[in-house]
Amino acid sequence: MAVNLLGLVAVIVFYMLILATGIWASRKSKREEKSCPGPRSEVAMVGGRNIGTLVGIFTTTATWVGGGFINGIAEITYLPHRGISWVQAPLGYSFSLILGGLFFVKPMRAKQFVTMMDPFQEKFGRVMGSLLLIPAVLGDIFWSAAILAALGATMTVILDIETYLSIILSACVVTIYTLLGGLYSVAYTDVMQMVFIVISLWFCVPFAIMNPAVADIKYTMVNELYQSPWIGKIETNQISRWIDDLLYMSLGGIPWQVYFQRVLAASSTSQARKTSYIAGVFCFTLSFPSIIIGAVAVSTDWNQTSYGLPTPSERQESSMILPIVLQYLCPAYVAMLGIGAVSAAVMSSADSSLLSASSMFARNIYKTIIRKKAAEKEVIWIMRTAVVLFGALATVLAILTNSIYGLWFLSSEFVYAILFPQLVCVLFIPSTNTYGSAAGYLIGLTLRLLAGEPFLQIPPIIQYPGISFKNGTFEQRFPFKTFTMLLSLLSTVVFSYLASFVFKRKILPVRFDVFKITEKVREVPAAQDEQITLKDCRID
């Protein structure tokens, strides 16, 4: 295997630019920590609550438009019997940003929260809030690992280097600048990464389309040439699953700290909403290059390329279709731009996920539960330590585990089944309490596990109507994700009412009220007392 030295040098130069930007931003962060009033940890976690509109739009968009986004869209478009009809991420993630702006921004900002978990701990108590934090943190770590693994595979195709080397290099760069500058470094590097993604991917598209081995994609959209048409088709018995997946992405994309970190960092509620709306539109439009690349792959006679036959689909390499197109249908210098785009997309999501997980751990576990009187400097160092540890864990998972995407999908479905209904309750249904929260958590978790997970070879104990078994695996066609979420929501409300009823009517003695709901006292995190609105620290 001959290493592509020119490509490797180009990637290293790109990484150095990103790292330099992150280090520069970290110096700005340190200046702001000294000049801004209020807790220093808020500068690292929410950028002093004054991120400018332009930077906010870029960093919010970059959080969704990651390596999994651009690679996954190309893969689904290319896959036989899937196609663009099944490319739901652009619609789903755009809807999640717009719905978040419409309904969730205002109540989350009303009490100057620092993390998404603050309202849970305030309403349901520290212990229950910590249990709800588990799927949120695991989702961030697994997502970081999944996209690092995807980057490793991409660099292996284009640069001919070992997968683990690219994973380690990328993880180190991301960890260093996130460690040094917190949200400032993440936001500024996101701006640079988004510009690079847009320019480089659109630059690659014409070269791929004009390759002699590629047929007219308008023709192959509806006509079978080398495989099934890339427009795709949704069978009648798949409609419920299609709707379920769209709702899962749209609603399940809301209860993530990476989103609310940006919402809470905006200088005002109106700006946070505007940022969310515009990012939703950008998220949709930035899917077009990946869709075209997937369509090009469908339209390619691979026998006319150096890739040869069998096709990527027949070799089980559909997940790497974007780098394969760049490598075999574009000139070498164009492929280098493409790998830069993938690298930028990966880092723009990985840094957000690492900062998200470490912020929640430092504030909602360490500061709120372990050391309630921890100084601000101590909290910041705990957050930095968590960035390193979570980054190392994600790197190890990316190198050693073959089922990272399965782990991430499962954990993200836990977020949808458990966190989304709880977030709705904590923000919009004030009568809910800790008993209902615990019941909704257990029911959502149990039902999701019993539905099985084919990627992780977890058998379906509950076989919903329409389940199909084929080639040793299974597919739940019933909209069980949304069904589980709704049952979890209903359980939270019903059990909250029942608990309130039995204690207030004294059907059960008050001494059995372990969560003290009859006292009508909300447990507020210790760090909440220190919150100050910061007005003079602006990221322009």
Protein backbone atom coordinates (compact mmCIF):
# COMPACT_ATOMS: atom_id res chain seq x y z
CA MET A 1 0.00 0.00 0.00
CA ALA A 2 1.58 3.31 -1.17
CA VAL A 3 0.74 6.29 0.99
CA ASN A 4 -0.57 9.32 -0.93
CA LEU A 5 2.07 11.76 0.33
CA LEU A 6 0.67 14.81 -1.45
CA GLY A 7 -2.77 14.17 0.00
CA LEU A 8 -1.35 13.50 3.45
CA VAL A 9 0.56 16.79 3.40
CA ALA A 10 -2.60 18.63 2.29
CA VAL A 11 -4.60 17.13 5.16
CA ILE A 12 -1.89 17.96 7.70
CA VAL A 13 -1.79 21.57 6.47
CA PHE A 14 -5.57 21.78 6.78
CA TYR A 15 -5.42 20.37 10.31
CA MET A 16 -2.77 22.87 11.27
CA LEU A 17 -4.98 25.73 10.06
CA ILE A 18 -7.89 24.41 12.11
CA LEU A 19 -5.69 23.97 15.17
CA ALA A 20 -4.24 27.47 14.79
CA THR A 21 -7.75 28.92 14.58
CA GLY A 22 -8.78 27.01 17.70
CA ILE A 23 -5.72 28.18 19.64
CA TRP A 24 -6.32 31.79 18.59
CA ALA A 25 -9.92 31.51 19.76
CA SER A 26 -8.78 30.02 23.07
CA ARG A 27 -6.74 33.16 23.75
CA LYS A 28 -9.83 35.26 23.13
CA SER A 29 -11.70 32.99 25.52
CA LYS A 30 -9.14 33.59 28.27
CA ARG A 31 -9.41 37.37 27.79
CA GLU A 32 -13.17 37.19 28.04
CA GLU A 33 -12.97 35.07 31.21
CA LYS A 34 -11.04 37.89 32.86
CA SER A 35 -13.17 40.76 31.58
CA CYS A 36 -16.68 39.32 31.81
CA PRO A 37 -18.72 39.38 35.02
CA GLY A 38 -20.22 36.20 36.36
CA PRO A 39 -19.05 32.58 36.48
CA ARG A 40 -15.99 31.82 34.34
CA SER A 41 -17.32 28.38 33.48
CA GLU A 42 -20.17 29.99 31.53
CA VAL A 43 -17.65 31.53 29.16
CA ALA A 44 -16.32 28.06 28.34
CA MET A 45 -19.75 26.40 28.22
CA VAL A 46 -22.00 29.03 26.62
CA GLY A 47 -19.54 31.62 25.32
CA GLY A 48 -20.58 34.33 27.76
CA ARG A 49 -24.15 34.17 26.36
CA ASN A 50 -23.28 36.60 23.58
CA ILE A 51 -22.38 34.67 20.45
CA GLY A 52 -22.98 36.84 17.38
CA THR A 53 -25.63 35.97 14.82
CA LEU A 54 -23.27 34.99 12.00
CA VAL A 55 -21.08 32.78 14.17
CA GLY A 56 -24.20 31.30 15.77
CA ILE A 57 -25.62 30.32 12.38
CA PHE A 58 -22.35 28.71 11.29
CA THR A 59 -21.74 26.77 14.50
CA THR A 60 -25.37 25.57 14.74
CA THR A 61 -25.34 24.39 11.13
CA ALA A 62 -21.94 22.74 11.53
CA THR A 63 -23.18 20.71 14.48
CA TRP A 64 -25.71 18.93 12.25
CA VAL A 65 -23.76 18.91 8.97
CA GLY A 66 -21.11 16.46 10.12
CA GLY A 67 -19.21 13.56 8.62
CA GLY A 68 -22.12 11.20 9.19
CA PHE A 69 -24.45 13.69 7.47
CA ILE A 70 -22.54 14.12 4.21
CA ASN A 71 -21.35 10.50 4.02
CA GLY A 72 -24.69 9.01 5.07
CA ILE A 73 -26.74 11.00 2.55
CA ALA A 74 -24.49 9.89 -0.31
CA GLU A 75 -24.71 6.28 0.90
CA ILE A 76 -28.53 6.19 1.14
CA THR A 77 -28.89 7.84 -2.27
CA TYR A 78 -26.59 5.19 -3.76
CA LEU A 79 -28.02 2.11 -2.06
CA PRO A 80 -30.22 -0.12 -4.25
CA HIS A 81 -33.91 0.03 -3.31
CA ARG A 82 -33.31 3.11 -1.18
CA GLY A 83 -32.40 6.26 -3.08
CA ILE A 84 -33.30 9.88 -2.40
CA SER A 85 -36.79 8.88 -1.21
CA TRP A 86 -35.14 7.51 1.93
CA VAL A 87 -32.78 10.45 2.47
CA GLN A 88 -34.64 11.83 5.49
CA ALA A 89 -31.78 13.49 7.38
CA PRO A 90 -31.99 16.86 5.55
CA LEU A 91 -35.73 17.14 6.19
CA GLY A 92 -35.60 15.67 9.69
CA TYR A 93 -32.72 17.77 11.00
CA SER A 94 -34.09 20.92 9.36
CA PHE A 95 -37.46 20.33 11.02
CA SER A 96 -35.76 19.74 14.37
CA LEU A 97 -33.97 23.10 14.19
CA ILE A 98 -37.10 24.96 13.11
CA LEU A 99 -39.33 23.26 15.70
CA GLY A 100 -36.69 23.90 18.35
CA GLY A 101 -36.70 27.59 17.47
CA LEU A 102 -40.48 27.78 17.48
CA PHE A 103 -41.24 26.01 20.75
CA PHE A 104 -38.17 25.25 22.86
CA VAL A 105 -35.87 28.27 22.66
CA LYS A 106 -37.96 30.69 24.74
CA PRO A 107 -38.68 28.43 27.76
CA MET A 108 -35.08 27.17 27.86
CA ARG A 109 -33.68 30.70 27.92
CA ALA A 110 -36.27 32.07 30.35
CA LYS A 111 -34.35 30.94 33.44
CA GLN A 112 -30.82 31.43 32.09
CA PHE A 113 -29.97 27.72 32.10
CA VAL A 114 -26.40 26.71 31.24
CA THR A 115 -27.00 23.14 30.05
CA MET A 116 -29.99 21.20 28.77
CA MET A 117 -29.99 19.14 31.98
CA ASP A 118 -30.48 22.11 34.33
CA PRO A 119 -34.31 22.17 34.06
CA PHE A 120 -34.46 18.41 34.70
CA GLN A 121 -32.44 18.70 37.90
CA GLU A 122 -34.41 21.75 38.97
CA LYS A 123 -37.79 20.06 38.56
CA PHE A 124 -37.10 16.36 39.15
CA GLY A 125 -34.14 16.58 41.53
CA ARG A 126 -30.46 15.84 41.24
CA VAL A 127 -30.69 12.03 41.21
CA MET A 128 -33.39 11.76 38.55
CA GLY A 129 -31.69 14.51 36.55
CA SER A 130 -28.46 12.51 36.63
CA LEU A 131 -30.21 9.40 35.33
CA LEU A 132 -31.61 11.44 32.45
CA LEU A 133 -28.09 12.65 31.73
CA ILE A 134 -26.86 9.11 30.93
CA PRO A 135 -28.43 8.74 27.44
CA ALA A 136 -27.44 12.34 26.60
CA VAL A 137 -23.75 11.81 27.43
CA LEU A 138 -23.57 8.36 25.84
CA GLY A 139 -25.20 9.72 22.68
CA ASP A 140 -22.52 12.41 22.38
CA ILE A 141 -19.64 9.99 22.98
CA PHE A 142 -20.95 7.35 20.56
CA TRP A 143 -21.62 10.01 17.93
CA SER A 144 -18.05 11.30 18.21
CA ALA A 145 -16.73 7.76 17.88
CA ALA A 146 -18.97 7.00 14.89
CA ILE A 147 -17.93 10.01 12.85
CA LEU A 148 -14.24 9.53 13.73
CA ALA A 149 -14.53 5.96 12.44
CA ALA A 150 -16.19 7.24 9.26
CA LEU A 151 -13.33 9.69 8.75
CA GLY A 152 -10.80 6.91 9.24
CA ALA A 153 -12.48 4.86 6.52
CA THR A 154 -12.57 7.86 4.18
CA MET A 155 -8.87 8.63 4.59
CA THR A 156 -8.04 4.98 4.05
CA VAL A 157 -9.73 5.12 0.63
CA ILE A 158 -8.17 8.40 -0.55
CA LEU A 159 -4.81 8.58 1.24
CA ASP A 160 -3.98 4.86 1.60
CA ILE A 161 -3.07 5.29 5.27
CA GLU A 162 -4.02 3.08 8.17
CA THR A 163 -7.45 3.83 9.61
CA TYR A 164 -6.25 4.18 13.20
CA LEU A 165 -3.67 6.84 12.24
CA SER A 166 -6.26 9.19 10.76
CA ILE A 167 -8.61 8.58 13.71
CA ILE A 168 -5.91 9.38 16.28
CA LEU A 169 -4.69 12.45 14.36
CA SER A 170 -8.19 13.88 13.95
CA ALA A 171 -9.15 13.15 17.57
CA CYS A 172 -6.00 14.85 18.87
CA VAL A 173 -6.62 18.03 16.86
CA VAL A 174 -10.27 18.20 17.95
CA THR A 175 -9.45 17.51 21.60
CA ILE A 176 -6.66 20.09 21.80
CA TYR A 177 -8.59 23.10 20.54
CA THR A 178 -11.78 22.12 22.38
CA LEU A 179 -9.74 21.66 25.55
CA LEU A 180 -8.09 25.08 25.27
CA GLY A 181 -10.94 27.34 24.24
CA GLY A 182 -14.28 25.72 25.01
CA LEU A 183 -17.22 27.08 23.01
CA TYR A 184 -15.14 29.98 21.64
CA SER A 185 -12.73 27.61 19.88
CA VAL A 186 -15.54 25.33 18.73
CA ALA A 187 -17.55 28.26 17.31
CA TYR A 188 -14.69 29.92 15.44
CA THR A 189 -13.39 26.66 13.97
CA ASP A 190 -16.95 25.79 12.94
CA VAL A 191 -17.04 28.96 10.82
CA MET A 192 -13.86 27.95 9.01
CA GLN A 193 -15.00 24.35 8.64
CA MET A 194 -18.41 25.26 7.23
CA VAL A 195 -16.88 27.56 4.60
CA PHE A 196 -14.50 24.79 3.61
CA ILE A 197 -17.28 22.18 3.42
CA VAL A 198 -19.46 24.33 1.16
CA ILE A 199 -16.68 25.38 -1.23
CA SER A 200 -14.87 22.04 -1.53
CA LEU A 201 -17.92 19.77 -1.90
CA TRP A 202 -19.52 21.95 -4.57
CA PHE A 203 -16.15 22.16 -6.32
CA CYS A 204 -15.99 18.36 -6.48
CA VAL A 205 -19.49 17.87 -7.93
CA PRO A 206 -18.88 19.04 -11.56
CA PHE A 207 -15.78 16.88 -11.92
CA ALA A 208 -17.66 13.79 -10.76
CA ILE A 209 -20.63 14.47 -13.07
CA MET A 210 -18.43 15.05 -16.14
CA ASN A 211 -16.38 11.86 -15.77
CA PRO A 212 -16.74 9.76 -18.98
CA ALA A 213 -17.78 6.71 -16.94
CA VAL A 214 -20.83 8.53 -15.56
CA ALA A 215 -24.18 8.47 -17.36
CA ASP A 216 -26.64 11.35 -17.23
CA ILE A 217 -27.97 11.42 -13.64
CA LYS A 218 -31.29 12.82 -14.90
CA TYR A 219 -31.73 9.62 -16.90
CA THR A 220 -30.71 7.23 -14.12
CA MET A 221 -32.98 9.01 -11.65
CA VAL A 222 -35.99 7.09 -12.98
CA ASN A 223 -34.51 4.51 -15.36
CA GLU A 224 -32.57 1.41 -14.44
CA LEU A 225 -29.10 1.53 -15.93
CA TYR A 226 -26.51 0.06 -13.61
CA GLN A 227 -28.80 -0.51 -10.62
CA SER A 228 -32.21 0.64 -9.34
CA PRO A 229 -33.20 4.30 -10.03
CA TRP A 230 -31.72 6.69 -7.47
CA ILE A 231 -35.04 8.49 -7.01
CA GLY A 232 -35.98 5.48 -4.89
CA LYS A 233 -39.39 4.19 -3.91
CA ILE A 234 -41.38 3.86 -0.72
CA GLU A 235 -43.46 0.68 -0.69
CA THR A 236 -46.91 0.72 0.87
CA ASN A 237 -45.80 -1.50 3.74
CA GLN A 238 -42.87 0.86 4.44
CA ILE A 239 -44.83 4.11 4.79
CA SER A 240 -45.30 3.78 8.55
CA ARG A 241 -41.59 3.16 9.06
CA TRP A 242 -40.73 6.15 6.82
CA ILE A 243 -42.96 8.43 8.89
CA ASP A 244 -41.56 6.96 12.11
CA ASP A 245 -37.99 7.68 11.02
CA LEU A 246 -38.85 11.23 9.98
CA LEU A 247 -40.51 11.96 13.33
CA TYR A 248 -37.57 10.34 15.12
CA MET A 249 -35.11 12.68 13.38
CA SER A 250 -37.33 15.76 13.64
CA LEU A 251 -38.35 15.46 17.30
CA GLY A 252 -35.43 13.33 18.50
CA GLY A 253 -33.00 15.91 17.11
CA ILE A 254 -34.19 18.52 19.61
CA PRO A 255 -33.17 17.22 23.09
CA TRP A 256 -29.40 17.40 22.55
CA GLN A 257 -26.99 19.54 24.53
CA VAL A 258 -25.06 20.42 21.35
CA TYR A 259 -28.18 22.27 20.15
CA PHE A 260 -29.13 23.94 23.41
CA GLN A 261 -25.52 24.94 24.04
CA ARG A 262 -25.86 27.24 21.04
CA VAL A 263 -29.38 28.32 21.96
CA LEU A 264 -28.23 29.34 25.43
CA ALA A 265 -25.09 31.04 24.07
CA ALA A 266 -26.99 33.50 21.86
CA SER A 267 -27.22 37.11 23.01
CA SER A 268 -31.03 37.14 22.99
CA THR A 269 -34.05 34.89 22.54
CA SER A 270 -34.91 36.44 19.18
CA GLN A 271 -31.37 35.89 17.95
CA ALA A 272 -31.42 32.27 19.15
CA ARG A 273 -34.63 31.67 17.22
CA LYS A 274 -33.34 33.35 14.08
CA THR A 275 -30.13 31.33 14.27
CA SER A 276 -32.12 28.11 14.62
CA TYR A 277 -34.39 28.89 11.65
CA ILE A 278 -31.57 29.87 9.29
CA ALA A 279 -29.45 26.88 10.34
CA GLY A 280 -32.43 24.65 9.54
CA VAL A 281 -32.58 26.04 5.99
CA PHE A 282 -28.80 25.67 5.56
CA CYS A 283 -28.91 22.12 6.87
CA PHE A 284 -31.37 21.21 4.11
CA THR A 285 -29.52 22.96 1.27
CA LEU A 286 -26.11 21.56 2.26
CA SER A 287 -27.40 18.05 1.57
CA PHE A 288 -27.48 18.68 -2.20
CA PRO A 289 -23.78 17.93 -2.97
CA SER A 290 -23.96 14.57 -1.17
CA ILE A 291 -27.21 13.68 -2.98
CA ILE A 292 -25.59 14.45 -6.33
CA ILE A 293 -22.51 12.40 -5.44
CA GLY A 294 -24.73 9.46 -4.50
CA ALA A 295 -26.62 9.85 -7.80
CA VAL A 296 -23.31 9.92 -9.69
CA ALA A 297 -22.30 6.65 -8.01
CA VAL A 298 -25.55 5.03 -9.21
CA SER A 299 -24.90 6.31 -12.73
CA THR A 300 -21.30 5.09 -12.96
CA ASP A 301 -20.09 2.14 -15.03
CA TRP A 302 -17.43 1.11 -12.55
CA ASN A 303 -15.85 -1.19 -15.11
CA GLN A 304 -14.65 1.94 -16.92
CA THR A 305 -12.79 3.16 -13.83
CA SER A 306 -9.72 1.88 -12.04
CA TYR A 307 -12.04 0.74 -9.24
CA GLY A 308 -13.40 -1.95 -11.55
CA LEU A 309 -15.94 -4.62 -10.80
CA PRO A 310 -17.69 -5.75 -8.67
CA THR A 311 -19.43 -2.49 -7.78
CA PRO A 312 -19.11 -0.78 -4.36
CA SER A 313 -22.56 -2.13 -3.45
CA GLU A 314 -21.52 -5.70 -4.31
CA ARG A 315 -18.30 -5.28 -2.32
CA GLN A 316 -20.29 -4.07 0.71
CA GLU A 317 -18.53 -0.70 0.52
CA SER A 318 -21.62 1.49 0.12
CA SER A 319 -20.83 3.33 3.38
CA MET A 320 -17.66 4.70 1.72
CA ILE A 321 -19.31 5.72 -1.55
CA LEU A 322 -18.51 9.43 -1.17
CA PRO A 323 -14.72 8.96 -0.83
CA ILE A 324 -14.82 6.27 -3.54
CA VAL A 325 -16.45 8.73 -5.98
CA LEU A 326 -13.91 11.41 -5.07
CA GLN A 327 -10.99 9.02 -5.48
CA TYR A 328 -11.97 7.27 -8.72
CA LEU A 329 -14.06 9.87 -10.59
CA CYS A 330 -12.25 13.12 -9.75
CA PRO A 331 -8.70 14.41 -10.34
CA ALA A 332 -6.29 13.92 -7.44
CA TYR A 333 -6.28 17.57 -6.37
CA VAL A 334 -10.08 17.61 -6.34
CA ALA A 335 -10.14 14.47 -4.19
CA MET A 336 -7.87 16.27 -1.73
CA LEU A 337 -10.44 19.04 -1.39
CA GLY A 338 -13.09 16.39 -0.82
CA ILE A 339 -11.17 14.73 1.99
CA GLY A 340 -10.72 18.18 3.50
CA ALA A 341 -14.48 18.68 3.39
CA VAL A 342 -15.09 15.34 5.11
CA SER A 343 -12.43 16.12 7.72
CA ALA A 344 -13.96 19.53 8.38
CA ALA A 345 -17.43 18.04 8.70
CA VAL A 346 -16.21 15.41 11.14
CA MET A 347 -14.35 17.87 13.33
CA SER A 348 -17.26 20.34 13.34
CA SER A 349 -19.47 17.65 14.91
CA ALA A 350 -16.89 15.87 17.06
CA ASP A 351 -15.77 19.02 18.86
CA SER A 352 -19.39 19.97 19.62
CA SER A 353 -20.15 16.51 21.00
CA LEU A 354 -17.06 16.43 23.23
CA LEU A 355 -17.78 19.91 24.60
CA SER A 356 -21.43 18.98 25.13
CA ALA A 357 -20.69 15.81 27.11
CA SER A 358 -17.94 17.42 29.20
CA SER A 359 -20.08 20.50 30.00
CA MET A 360 -22.93 18.35 31.30
CA PHE A 361 -20.55 16.21 33.34
CA ALA A 362 -18.73 19.20 34.89
CA ARG A 363 -21.86 21.15 35.75
CA ASN A 364 -24.63 18.61 36.31
CA ILE A 365 -22.61 15.84 37.93
CA TYR A 366 -19.47 17.33 39.47
CA LYS A 367 -20.70 20.80 40.45
CA THR A 368 -24.26 19.82 41.34
CA ILE A 369 -23.74 16.44 43.04
CA ILE A 370 -20.09 15.60 43.79
CA ARG A 371 -18.69 18.99 44.91
CA LYS A 372 -21.43 21.57 45.37
CA LYS A 373 -18.96 24.19 46.60
CA ALA A 374 -16.43 23.70 43.81
CA ALA A 375 -14.77 26.92 42.65
CA GLU A 376 -15.20 28.11 39.08
CA LYS A 377 -11.59 27.34 38.21
CA GLU A 378 -12.06 23.80 39.51
CA VAL A 379 -15.20 23.31 37.39
CA ILE A 380 -13.33 24.50 34.29
CA TRP A 381 -10.49 22.05 34.91
CA ILE A 382 -12.96 19.22 35.46
CA MET A 383 -14.58 20.10 32.13
CA ARG A 384 -11.19 20.08 30.40
CA THR A 385 -10.31 16.75 31.97
CA ALA A 386 -13.63 15.36 30.77
CA VAL A 387 -12.88 16.59 27.23
CA VAL A 388 -9.64 14.58 27.24
CA LEU A 389 -11.21 11.47 28.76
CA PHE A 390 -14.28 11.49 26.51
CA GLY A 391 -12.09 12.21 23.48
CA ALA A 392 -9.86 9.26 24.34
CA LEU A 393 -12.88 7.01 24.88
CA ALA A 394 -14.40 8.02 21.53
CA THR A 395 -11.06 7.37 19.82
CA VAL A 396 -10.71 3.90 21.32
CA LEU A 397 -14.29 3.03 20.36
CA ALA A 398 -13.71 4.29 16.81
CA ILE A 399 -10.64 2.07 16.43
CA LEU A 400 -11.79 -1.10 18.17
CA THR A 401 -15.59 -1.32 17.80
CA ASN A 402 -17.36 -2.36 14.61
CA SER A 403 -20.84 -1.52 15.90
CA ILE A 404 -20.41 2.17 16.73
CA TYR A 405 -23.22 3.29 14.45
CA GLY A 406 -25.44 0.69 16.07
CA LEU A 407 -24.51 2.01 19.50
CA TRP A 408 -25.16 5.58 18.41
CA PHE A 409 -28.50 4.77 16.78
CA LEU A 410 -29.59 2.92 19.90
CA SER A 411 -28.49 5.71 22.24
CA SER A 412 -30.09 8.38 20.03
CA GLU A 413 -33.32 6.39 20.07
CA PHE A 414 -33.09 6.42 23.87
CA VAL A 415 -32.84 10.21 23.61
CA TYR A 416 -36.03 10.22 21.52
CA ALA A 417 -37.90 7.70 23.68
CA ILE A 418 -36.81 9.10 27.06
CA LEU A 419 -35.42 12.64 26.89
CA PHE A 420 -37.81 14.19 24.39
CA PRO A 421 -41.01 13.37 26.34
CA GLN A 422 -39.31 14.42 29.58
CA LEU A 423 -38.23 17.72 28.00
CA VAL A 424 -41.79 18.36 26.84
CA CYS A 425 -43.04 17.67 30.36
CA VAL A 426 -40.48 19.77 32.17
CA LEU A 427 -41.06 22.79 29.92
CA PHE A 428 -44.77 22.60 29.10
CA ILE A 429 -46.55 20.37 31.65
CA PRO A 430 -45.83 21.83 35.09
CA SER A 431 -47.93 19.23 36.93
CA THR A 432 -45.43 16.44 36.20
CA ASN A 433 -43.16 15.30 39.03
CA THR A 434 -40.29 12.98 39.82
CA TYR A 435 -42.47 9.86 40.16
CA GLY A 436 -43.83 10.38 36.66
CA SER A 437 -40.34 11.08 35.36
CA ALA A 438 -39.02 7.81 36.79
CA ALA A 439 -41.96 5.85 35.37
CA GLY A 440 -41.58 7.40 31.92
CA TYR A 441 -37.83 6.71 31.97
CA LEU A 442 -38.26 3.02 32.85
CA ILE A 443 -41.10 2.42 30.40
CA GLY A 444 -39.33 4.16 27.52
CA LEU A 445 -36.06 2.35 28.19
CA THR A 446 -37.71 -1.06 28.57
CA LEU A 447 -39.91 -0.82 25.48
CA ARG A 448 -37.01 0.32 23.30
CA LEU A 449 -34.75 -2.51 24.42
CA LEU A 450 -37.49 -5.11 23.97
CA ALA A 451 -38.00 -3.95 20.37
CA GLY A 452 -34.51 -5.25 19.56
CA GLU A 453 -31.70 -3.80 17.46
CA PRO A 454 -30.58 -5.76 14.35
CA PHE A 455 -27.29 -3.84 14.03
CA LEU A 456 -26.25 -4.97 17.51
CA GLN A 457 -27.93 -8.38 17.14
CA ILE A 458 -30.39 -7.70 19.97
CA PRO A 459 -33.42 -9.95 19.29
CA PRO A 460 -36.94 -8.43 19.26
CA ILE A 461 -38.79 -9.65 22.34
CA ILE A 462 -41.72 -7.45 21.32
CA GLN A 463 -42.65 -8.20 17.72
CA TYR A 464 -44.82 -5.34 16.52
CA PRO A 465 -47.33 -5.80 13.65
CA GLY A 466 -45.64 -5.98 10.26
CA ILE A 467 -42.26 -7.21 11.52
CA SER A 468 -40.27 -9.00 8.82
CA PHE A 469 -37.41 -11.48 9.12
CA LYS A 470 -34.90 -11.90 6.30
CA ASN A 471 -31.38 -13.33 6.03
CA GLY A 472 -31.01 -13.72 9.78
CA THR A 473 -32.06 -10.15 10.61
CA PHE A 474 -35.35 -8.35 11.17
CA GLU A 475 -37.13 -5.08 10.46
CA GLN A 476 -39.79 -3.48 12.67
CA ARG A 477 -42.09 -1.75 10.16
CA PHE A 478 -44.51 -0.59 12.83
CA PRO A 479 -43.69 2.99 13.98
CA PHE A 480 -42.39 1.66 17.29
CA LYS A 481 -39.97 4.55 17.95
CA THR A 482 -42.75 7.11 18.05
CA PHE A 483 -45.07 4.65 19.78
CA THR A 484 -42.46 4.17 22.53
CA MET A 485 -41.96 7.93 22.85
CA LEU A 486 -45.69 8.57 23.17
CA LEU A 487 -46.10 5.84 25.79
CA SER A 488 -43.17 7.32 27.73
CA LEU A 489 -44.80 10.77 27.56
CA LEU A 490 -48.19 9.41 28.61
CA SER A 491 -46.62 7.42 31.45
CA THR A 492 -44.82 10.50 32.78
CA VAL A 493 -48.06 12.50 32.87
CA VAL A 494 -50.29 9.70 34.25
CA PHE A 495 -47.92 8.54 36.99
CA SER A 496 -47.25 12.14 37.98
CA TYR A 497 -50.98 12.64 38.44
CA LEU A 498 -51.39 9.36 40.33
CA ALA A 499 -48.52 10.13 42.69
CA SER A 500 -49.84 13.62 43.35
CA PHE A 501 -53.34 12.24 43.90
CA VAL A 502 -52.42 9.50 46.39
CA PHE A 503 -50.20 11.76 48.50
CA LYS A 504 -52.33 14.89 48.49
CA ARG A 505 -55.48 12.87 49.28
CA LYS A 506 -53.44 11.05 51.95
CA ILE A 507 -54.23 7.64 50.47
CA LEU A 508 -50.57 6.98 51.18
CA PRO A 509 -48.90 8.58 54.23
CA VAL A 510 -46.69 11.56 53.48
CA ARG A 511 -43.73 9.74 55.02
CA PHE A 512 -43.66 7.52 51.92
CA ASP A 513 -43.23 10.55 49.68
CA VAL A 514 -39.50 10.06 49.12
CA PHE A 515 -39.36 12.73 46.39
CA LYS A 516 -41.15 15.33 48.58
CA ILE A 517 -43.63 16.38 45.91
CA THR A 518 -46.15 17.38 48.57
CA GLU A 519 -43.80 20.05 49.84
CA LYS A 520 -43.96 21.85 46.49
CA VAL A 521 -40.28 22.66 46.72
CA ARG A 522 -38.19 22.50 43.60
CA GLU A 523 -34.66 21.33 44.05
CA VAL A 524 -32.38 23.85 42.35
CA PRO A 525 -28.81 22.93 41.30
CA ALA A 526 -26.18 24.63 43.42
CA ALA A 527 -24.66 26.25 40.37
CA GLN A 528 -27.98 27.92 39.52
CA ASP A 529 -27.47 30.51 42.24
CA GLU A 530 -24.46 31.89 40.44
CA GLN A 531 -26.09 32.61 37.10
CA ILE A 532 -25.60 36.14 35.83
CA THR A 533 -26.65 37.55 32.50
CA LEU A 534 -23.49 38.51 30.64
CA LYS A 535 -23.85 41.40 28.20
CA ASP A 536 -20.37 42.56 27.33
CA CYS A 537 -18.72 39.42 25.93
CA ARG A 538 -19.54 39.13 22.26
CA ILE A 539 -18.22 36.69 19.67
CA ASP A 540 -18.51 38.70 16.45
